[in-house]
Amino acid sequence: MQQVELNLNDIELAVNIIDTVTARGAFRGEELLAVGTLRARMAAFLAAGREAQTKQETDEVLVDTASEQ
């Protein structure tokens, strides 16, 4: 069985798709709360993931710099 992967870029793409189809009026009014809630959760997950990714990259640079000294 092939391993299924999902990454931060996939989440960002989904948020962008929601924004695009919402702007085009693709959702009915009664669907907007659920769509908006899902979008907010994915955007928060994306922000936290990007922050953790940035911190990890910063930590790696600091470790590399310390090992060179």
PDB file of N, CA and C in Angstrom:
ATOM      1  N   MET A   1       0.846  -1.185   0.000  1.00  0.00           N
ATOM      2  CA  MET A   1       0.000   0.000   0.000  1.00  0.00           C
ATOM      3  C   MET A   1       0.893   1.251   0.000  1.00  0.00           C
ATOM      4  N   GLN A   2       0.559   2.205  -0.830  1.00  0.00           N
ATOM      5  CA  GLN A   2       1.335   3.437  -0.933  1.00  0.00           C
ATOM      6  C   GLN A   2       1.042   4.349   0.256  1.00  0.00           C
ATOM      7  N   GLN A   3       2.109   4.937   0.815  1.00  0.00           N
ATOM      8  CA  GLN A   3       1.962   5.840   1.953  1.00  0.00           C
ATOM      9  C   GLN A   3       1.329   7.151   1.481  1.00  0.00           C
ATOM     10  N   VAL A   4       0.346   7.604   2.224  1.00  0.00           N
ATOM     11  CA  VAL A   4      -0.325   8.850   1.905  1.00  0.00           C
ATOM     12  C   VAL A   4       0.331   9.971   2.698  1.00  0.00           C
ATOM     13  N   GLU A   5       0.682  11.051   2.000  1.00  0.00           N
ATOM     14  CA  GLU A   5       1.338  12.171   2.656  1.00  0.00           C
ATOM     15  C   GLU A   5       0.524  13.442   2.463  1.00  0.00           C
ATOM     16  N   LEU A   6       0.571  14.287   3.455  1.00  0.00           N
ATOM     17  CA  LEU A   6      -0.064  15.596   3.424  1.00  0.00           C
ATOM     18  C   LEU A   6       0.926  16.556   4.070  1.00  0.00           C
ATOM     19  N   ASN A   7       1.204  17.675   3.401  1.00  0.00           N
ATOM     20  CA  ASN A   7       2.171  18.605   3.964  1.00  0.00           C
ATOM     21  C   ASN A   7       1.569  20.004   4.064  1.00  0.00           C
ATOM     22  N   LEU A   8       2.347  20.935   4.590  1.00  0.00           N
ATOM     23  CA  LEU A   8       1.850  22.296   4.803  1.00  0.00           C
ATOM     24  C   LEU A   8       1.450  22.973   3.497  1.00  0.00           C
ATOM     25  N   ASN A   9       2.131  22.655   2.418  1.00  0.00           N
ATOM     26  CA  ASN A   9       1.754  23.231   1.128  1.00  0.00           C
ATOM     27  C   ASN A   9       0.369  22.764   0.688  1.00  0.00           C
ATOM     28  N   ASP A  10       0.025  21.513   0.999  1.00  0.00           N
ATOM     29  CA  ASP A  10      -1.309  20.999   0.685  1.00  0.00           C
ATOM     30  C   ASP A  10      -2.377  21.748   1.481  1.00  0.00           C
ATOM     31  N   ILE A  11      -2.108  21.997   2.755  1.00  0.00           N
ATOM     32  CA  ILE A  11      -3.046  22.739   3.601  1.00  0.00           C
ATOM     33  C   ILE A  11      -3.208  24.159   3.073  1.00  0.00           C
ATOM     34  N   GLU A  12      -2.093  24.787   2.694  1.00  0.00           N
ATOM     35  CA  GLU A  12      -2.148  26.145   2.149  1.00  0.00           C
ATOM     36  C   GLU A  12      -2.969  26.176   0.860  1.00  0.00           C
ATOM     37  N   LEU A  13      -2.798  25.177   0.018  1.00  0.00           N
ATOM     38  CA  LEU A  13      -3.563  25.093  -1.218  1.00  0.00           C
ATOM     39  C   LEU A  13      -5.059  24.967  -0.928  1.00  0.00           C
ATOM     40  N   ALA A  14      -5.414  24.155   0.047  1.00  0.00           N
ATOM     41  CA  ALA A  14      -6.824  23.990   0.413  1.00  0.00           C
ATOM     42  C   ALA A  14      -7.422  25.299   0.920  1.00  0.00           C
ATOM     43  N   VAL A  15      -6.683  26.037   1.725  1.00  0.00           N
ATOM     44  CA  VAL A  15      -7.146  27.341   2.217  1.00  0.00           C
ATOM     45  C   VAL A  15      -7.353  28.288   1.034  1.00  0.00           C
ATOM     46  N   ASN A  16      -6.416  28.289   0.098  1.00  0.00           N
ATOM     47  CA  ASN A  16      -6.537  29.152  -1.075  1.00  0.00           C
ATOM     48  C   ASN A  16      -7.734  28.770  -1.945  1.00  0.00           C
ATOM     49  N   ILE A  17      -7.993  27.480  -2.076  1.00  0.00           N
ATOM     50  CA  ILE A  17      -9.153  27.019  -2.841  1.00  0.00           C
ATOM     51  C   ILE A  17     -10.439  27.480  -2.172  1.00  0.00           C
ATOM     52  N   ILE A  18     -10.517  27.344  -0.848  1.00  0.00           N
ATOM     53  CA  ILE A  18     -11.703  27.808  -0.129  1.00  0.00           C
ATOM     54  C   ILE A  18     -11.917  29.298  -0.360  1.00  0.00           C
ATOM     55  N   ASP A  19     -10.839  30.088  -0.283  1.00  0.00           N
ATOM     56  CA  ASP A  19     -10.951  31.532  -0.508  1.00  0.00           C
ATOM     57  C   ASP A  19     -11.454  31.835  -1.918  1.00  0.00           C
ATOM     58  N   THR A  20     -10.933  31.124  -2.894  1.00  0.00           N
ATOM     59  CA  THR A  20     -11.310  31.366  -4.288  1.00  0.00           C
ATOM     60  C   THR A  20     -12.766  31.010  -4.555  1.00  0.00           C
ATOM     61  N   VAL A  21     -13.174  29.817  -4.139  1.00  0.00           N
ATOM     62  CA  VAL A  21     -14.553  29.413  -4.431  1.00  0.00           C
ATOM     63  C   VAL A  21     -15.568  30.205  -3.613  1.00  0.00           C
ATOM     64  N   THR A  22     -15.167  30.662  -2.434  1.00  0.00           N
ATOM     65  CA  THR A  22     -16.047  31.515  -1.640  1.00  0.00           C
ATOM     66  C   THR A  22     -16.238  32.856  -2.340  1.00  0.00           C
ATOM     67  N   ALA A  23     -15.156  33.418  -2.850  1.00  0.00           N
ATOM     68  CA  ALA A  23     -15.245  34.698  -3.568  1.00  0.00           C
ATOM     69  C   ALA A  23     -16.119  34.564  -4.811  1.00  0.00           C
ATOM     70  N   ARG A  24     -16.169  33.386  -5.396  1.00  0.00           N
ATOM     71  CA  ARG A  24     -16.981  33.150  -6.597  1.00  0.00           C
ATOM     72  C   ARG A  24     -18.419  32.765  -6.266  1.00  0.00           C
ATOM     73  N   GLY A  25     -18.730  32.669  -4.971  1.00  0.00           N
ATOM     74  CA  GLY A  25     -20.102  32.369  -4.562  1.00  0.00           C
ATOM     75  C   GLY A  25     -20.488  30.904  -4.695  1.00  0.00           C
ATOM     76  N   ALA A  26     -19.545  30.006  -4.535  1.00  0.00           N
ATOM     77  CA  ALA A  26     -19.809  28.582  -4.728  1.00  0.00           C
ATOM     78  C   ALA A  26     -20.535  27.915  -3.561  1.00  0.00           C
ATOM     79  N   PHE A  27     -20.570  28.562  -2.420  1.00  0.00           N
ATOM     80  CA  PHE A  27     -21.220  27.968  -1.252  1.00  0.00           C
ATOM     81  C   PHE A  27     -22.551  28.650  -0.975  1.00  0.00           C
ATOM     82  N   ARG A  28     -23.507  27.863  -0.489  1.00  0.00           N
ATOM     83  CA  ARG A  28     -24.791  28.421  -0.057  1.00  0.00           C
ATOM     84  C   ARG A  28     -24.613  28.988   1.349  1.00  0.00           C
ATOM     85  N   GLY A  29     -25.470  29.909   1.711  1.00  0.00           N
ATOM     86  CA  GLY A  29     -25.378  30.576   3.004  1.00  0.00           C
ATOM     87  C   GLY A  29     -25.294  29.627   4.183  1.00  0.00           C
ATOM     88  N   GLU A  30     -26.090  28.571   4.165  1.00  0.00           N
ATOM     89  CA  GLU A  30     -26.094  27.633   5.287  1.00  0.00           C
ATOM     90  C   GLU A  30     -24.807  26.813   5.377  1.00  0.00           C
ATOM     91  N   GLU A  31     -24.003  26.830   4.348  1.00  0.00           N
ATOM     92  CA  GLU A  31     -22.736  26.108   4.353  1.00  0.00           C
ATOM     93  C   GLU A  31     -21.574  26.972   4.839  1.00  0.00           C
ATOM     94  N   LEU A  32     -21.759  28.254   4.895  1.00  0.00           N
ATOM     95  CA  LEU A  32     -20.660  29.166   5.160  1.00  0.00           C
ATOM     96  C   LEU A  32     -20.034  28.996   6.546  1.00  0.00           C
ATOM     97  N   LEU A  33     -20.840  28.706   7.546  1.00  0.00           N
ATOM     98  CA  LEU A  33     -20.286  28.527   8.889  1.00  0.00           C
ATOM     99  C   LEU A  33     -19.328  27.336   8.924  1.00  0.00           C
ATOM    100  N   ALA A  34     -19.745  26.215   8.360  1.00  0.00           N
ATOM    101  CA  ALA A  34     -18.892  25.022   8.353  1.00  0.00           C
ATOM    102  C   ALA A  34     -17.626  25.257   7.526  1.00  0.00           C
ATOM    103  N   VAL A  35     -17.773  25.881   6.377  1.00  0.00           N
ATOM    104  CA  VAL A  35     -16.619  26.152   5.517  1.00  0.00           C
ATOM    105  C   VAL A  35     -15.673  27.137   6.195  1.00  0.00           C
ATOM    106  N   GLY A  36     -16.227  28.187   6.785  1.00  0.00           N
ATOM    107  CA  GLY A  36     -15.406  29.175   7.475  1.00  0.00           C
ATOM    108  C   GLY A  36     -14.682  28.594   8.676  1.00  0.00           C
ATOM    109  N   THR A  37     -15.361  27.726   9.406  1.00  0.00           N
ATOM    110  CA  THR A  37     -14.746  27.076  10.561  1.00  0.00           C
ATOM    111  C   THR A  37     -13.597  26.175  10.119  1.00  0.00           C
ATOM    112  N   LEU A  38     -13.824  25.388   9.080  1.00  0.00           N
ATOM    113  CA  LEU A  38     -12.770  24.521   8.558  1.00  0.00           C
ATOM    114  C   LEU A  38     -11.599  25.348   8.063  1.00  0.00           C
ATOM    115  N   ARG A  39     -11.878  26.439   7.335  1.00  0.00           N
ATOM    116  CA  ARG A  39     -10.816  27.297   6.817  1.00  0.00           C
ATOM    117  C   ARG A  39      -9.992  27.885   7.955  1.00  0.00           C
ATOM    118  N   ALA A  40     -10.664  28.356   9.001  1.00  0.00           N
ATOM    119  CA  ALA A  40      -9.967  28.945  10.149  1.00  0.00           C
ATOM    120  C   ALA A  40      -9.079  27.913  10.835  1.00  0.00           C
ATOM    121  N   ARG A  41      -9.568  26.694  10.982  1.00  0.00           N
ATOM    122  CA  ARG A  41      -8.771  25.638  11.613  1.00  0.00           C
ATOM    123  C   ARG A  41      -7.555  25.288  10.769  1.00  0.00           C
ATOM    124  N   MET A  42      -7.744  25.195   9.461  1.00  0.00           N
ATOM    125  CA  MET A  42      -6.615  24.880   8.586  1.00  0.00           C
ATOM    126  C   MET A  42      -5.610  26.022   8.551  1.00  0.00           C
ATOM    127  N   ALA A  43      -6.084  27.259   8.542  1.00  0.00           N
ATOM    128  CA  ALA A  43      -5.183  28.414   8.543  1.00  0.00           C
ATOM    129  C   ALA A  43      -4.376  28.461   9.838  1.00  0.00           C
ATOM    130  N   ALA A  44      -5.000  28.160  10.975  1.00  0.00           N
ATOM    131  CA  ALA A  44      -4.299  28.138  12.258  1.00  0.00           C
ATOM    132  C   ALA A  44      -3.260  27.010  12.279  1.00  0.00           C
ATOM    133  N   PHE A  45      -3.637  25.847  11.754  1.00  0.00           N
ATOM    134  CA  PHE A  45      -2.708  24.713  11.668  1.00  0.00           C
ATOM    135  C   PHE A  45      -1.520  25.078  10.785  1.00  0.00           C
ATOM    136  N   LEU A  46      -1.794  25.722   9.664  1.00  0.00           N
ATOM    137  CA  LEU A  46      -0.747  26.146   8.741  1.00  0.00           C
ATOM    138  C   LEU A  46       0.195  27.145   9.399  1.00  0.00           C
ATOM    139  N   ALA A  47      -0.356  28.126  10.096  1.00  0.00           N
ATOM    140  CA  ALA A  47       0.471  29.131  10.770  1.00  0.00           C
ATOM    141  C   ALA A  47       1.361  28.479  11.825  1.00  0.00           C
ATOM    142  N   ALA A  48       0.797  27.568  12.605  1.00  0.00           N
ATOM    143  CA  ALA A  48       1.583  26.886  13.636  1.00  0.00           C
ATOM    144  C   ALA A  48       2.665  26.018  13.004  1.00  0.00           C
ATOM    145  N   GLY A  49       2.318  25.356  11.921  1.00  0.00           N
ATOM    146  CA  GLY A  49       3.302  24.519  11.233  1.00  0.00           C
ATOM    147  C   GLY A  49       4.428  25.329  10.631  1.00  0.00           C
ATOM    148  N   ARG A  50       4.089  26.460  10.018  1.00  0.00           N
ATOM    149  CA  ARG A  50       5.116  27.331   9.434  1.00  0.00           C
ATOM    150  C   ARG A  50       6.016  27.902  10.530  1.00  0.00           C
ATOM    151  N   GLU A  51       5.415  28.259  11.661  1.00  0.00           N
ATOM    152  CA  GLU A  51       6.197  28.786  12.782  1.00  0.00           C
ATOM    153  C   GLU A  51       7.161  27.726  13.310  1.00  0.00           C
ATOM    154  N   ALA A  52       6.679  26.507  13.459  1.00  0.00           N
ATOM    155  CA  ALA A  52       7.529  25.414  13.939  1.00  0.00           C
ATOM    156  C   ALA A  52       8.637  25.118  12.930  1.00  0.00           C
ATOM    157  N   GLN A  53       8.296  25.181  11.650  1.00  0.00           N
ATOM    158  CA  GLN A  53       9.282  24.942  10.597  1.00  0.00           C
ATOM    159  C   GLN A  53      10.374  26.012  10.631  1.00  0.00           C
ATOM    160  N   THR A  54       9.980  27.259  10.798  1.00  0.00           N
ATOM    161  CA  THR A  54      10.940  28.362  10.876  1.00  0.00           C
ATOM    162  C   THR A  54      11.832  28.212  12.097  1.00  0.00           C
ATOM    163  N   LYS A  55      11.236  27.853  13.240  1.00  0.00           N
ATOM    164  CA  LYS A  55      12.022  27.652  14.460  1.00  0.00           C
ATOM    165  C   LYS A  55      13.020  26.524  14.281  1.00  0.00           C
ATOM    166  N   GLN A  56      12.590  25.444  13.666  1.00  0.00           N
ATOM    167  CA  GLN A  56      13.487  24.313  13.442  1.00  0.00           C
ATOM    168  C   GLN A  56      14.647  24.722  12.537  1.00  0.00           C
ATOM    169  N   GLU A  57      14.351  25.467  11.480  1.00  0.00           N
ATOM    170  CA  GLU A  57      15.412  25.920  10.569  1.00  0.00           C
ATOM    171  C   GLU A  57      16.377  26.854  11.293  1.00  0.00           C
ATOM    172  N   THR A  58      15.849  27.738  12.148  1.00  0.00           N
ATOM    173  CA  THR A  58      16.690  28.645  12.919  1.00  0.00           C
ATOM    174  C   THR A  58      17.568  27.861  13.882  1.00  0.00           C
ATOM    175  N   ASP A  59      16.990  26.889  14.559  1.00  0.00           N
ATOM    176  CA  ASP A  59      17.752  26.057  15.491  1.00  0.00           C
ATOM    177  C   ASP A  59      18.863  25.298  14.770  1.00  0.00           C
ATOM    178  N   GLU A  60      18.573  24.794  13.565  1.00  0.00           N
ATOM    179  CA  GLU A  60      19.581  24.076  12.795  1.00  0.00           C
ATOM    180  C   GLU A  60      20.739  24.990  12.411  1.00  0.00           C
ATOM    181  N   VAL A  61      20.439  26.229  12.046  1.00  0.00           N
ATOM    182  CA  VAL A  61      21.480  27.193  11.711  1.00  0.00           C
ATOM    183  C   VAL A  61      22.338  27.489  12.930  1.00  0.00           C
ATOM    184  N   LEU A  62      21.679  27.644  14.082  1.00  0.00           N
ATOM    185  CA  LEU A  62      22.425  27.916  15.308  1.00  0.00           C
ATOM    186  C   LEU A  62      23.337  26.756  15.681  1.00  0.00           C
ATOM    187  N   VAL A  63      22.857  25.535  15.506  1.00  0.00           N
ATOM    188  CA  VAL A  63      23.660  24.354  15.804  1.00  0.00           C
ATOM    189  C   VAL A  63      24.857  24.287  14.842  1.00  0.00           C
ATOM    190  N   ASP A  64      24.589  24.516  13.549  1.00  0.00           N
ATOM    191  CA  ASP A  64      25.661  24.495  12.555  1.00  0.00           C
ATOM    192  C   ASP A  64      26.712  25.564  12.865  1.00  0.00           C
ATOM    193  N   THR A  65      26.269  26.742  13.225  1.00  0.00           N
ATOM    194  CA  THR A  65      27.180  27.851  13.540  1.00  0.00           C
ATOM    195  C   THR A  65      28.013  27.521  14.778  1.00  0.00           C
ATOM    196  N   ALA A  66      27.373  26.930  15.789  1.00  0.00           N
ATOM    197  CA  ALA A  66      28.081  26.578  17.014  1.00  0.00           C
ATOM    198  C   ALA A  66      29.122  25.473  16.765  1.00  0.00           C
ATOM    199  N   SER A  67      28.781  24.535  15.898  1.00  0.00           N
ATOM    200  CA  SER A  67      29.720  23.430  15.631  1.00  0.00           C
ATOM    201  C   SER A  67      30.910  23.897  14.790  1.00  0.00           C
ATOM    202  N   GLU A  68      30.774  24.996  14.045  1.00  0.00           N
ATOM    203  CA  GLU A  68      31.862  25.522  13.247  1.00  0.00           C
ATOM    204  C   GLU A  68      32.874  26.297  14.090  1.00  0.00           C
ATOM    205  N   GLN A  69      32.478  26.717  15.266  1.00  0.00           N
ATOM    206  CA  GLN A  69      33.360  27.545  16.107  1.00  0.00           C
ATOM    207  C   GLN A  69      34.272  26.713  16.946  1.00  0.00           C
TER     208      GLN A  69
END
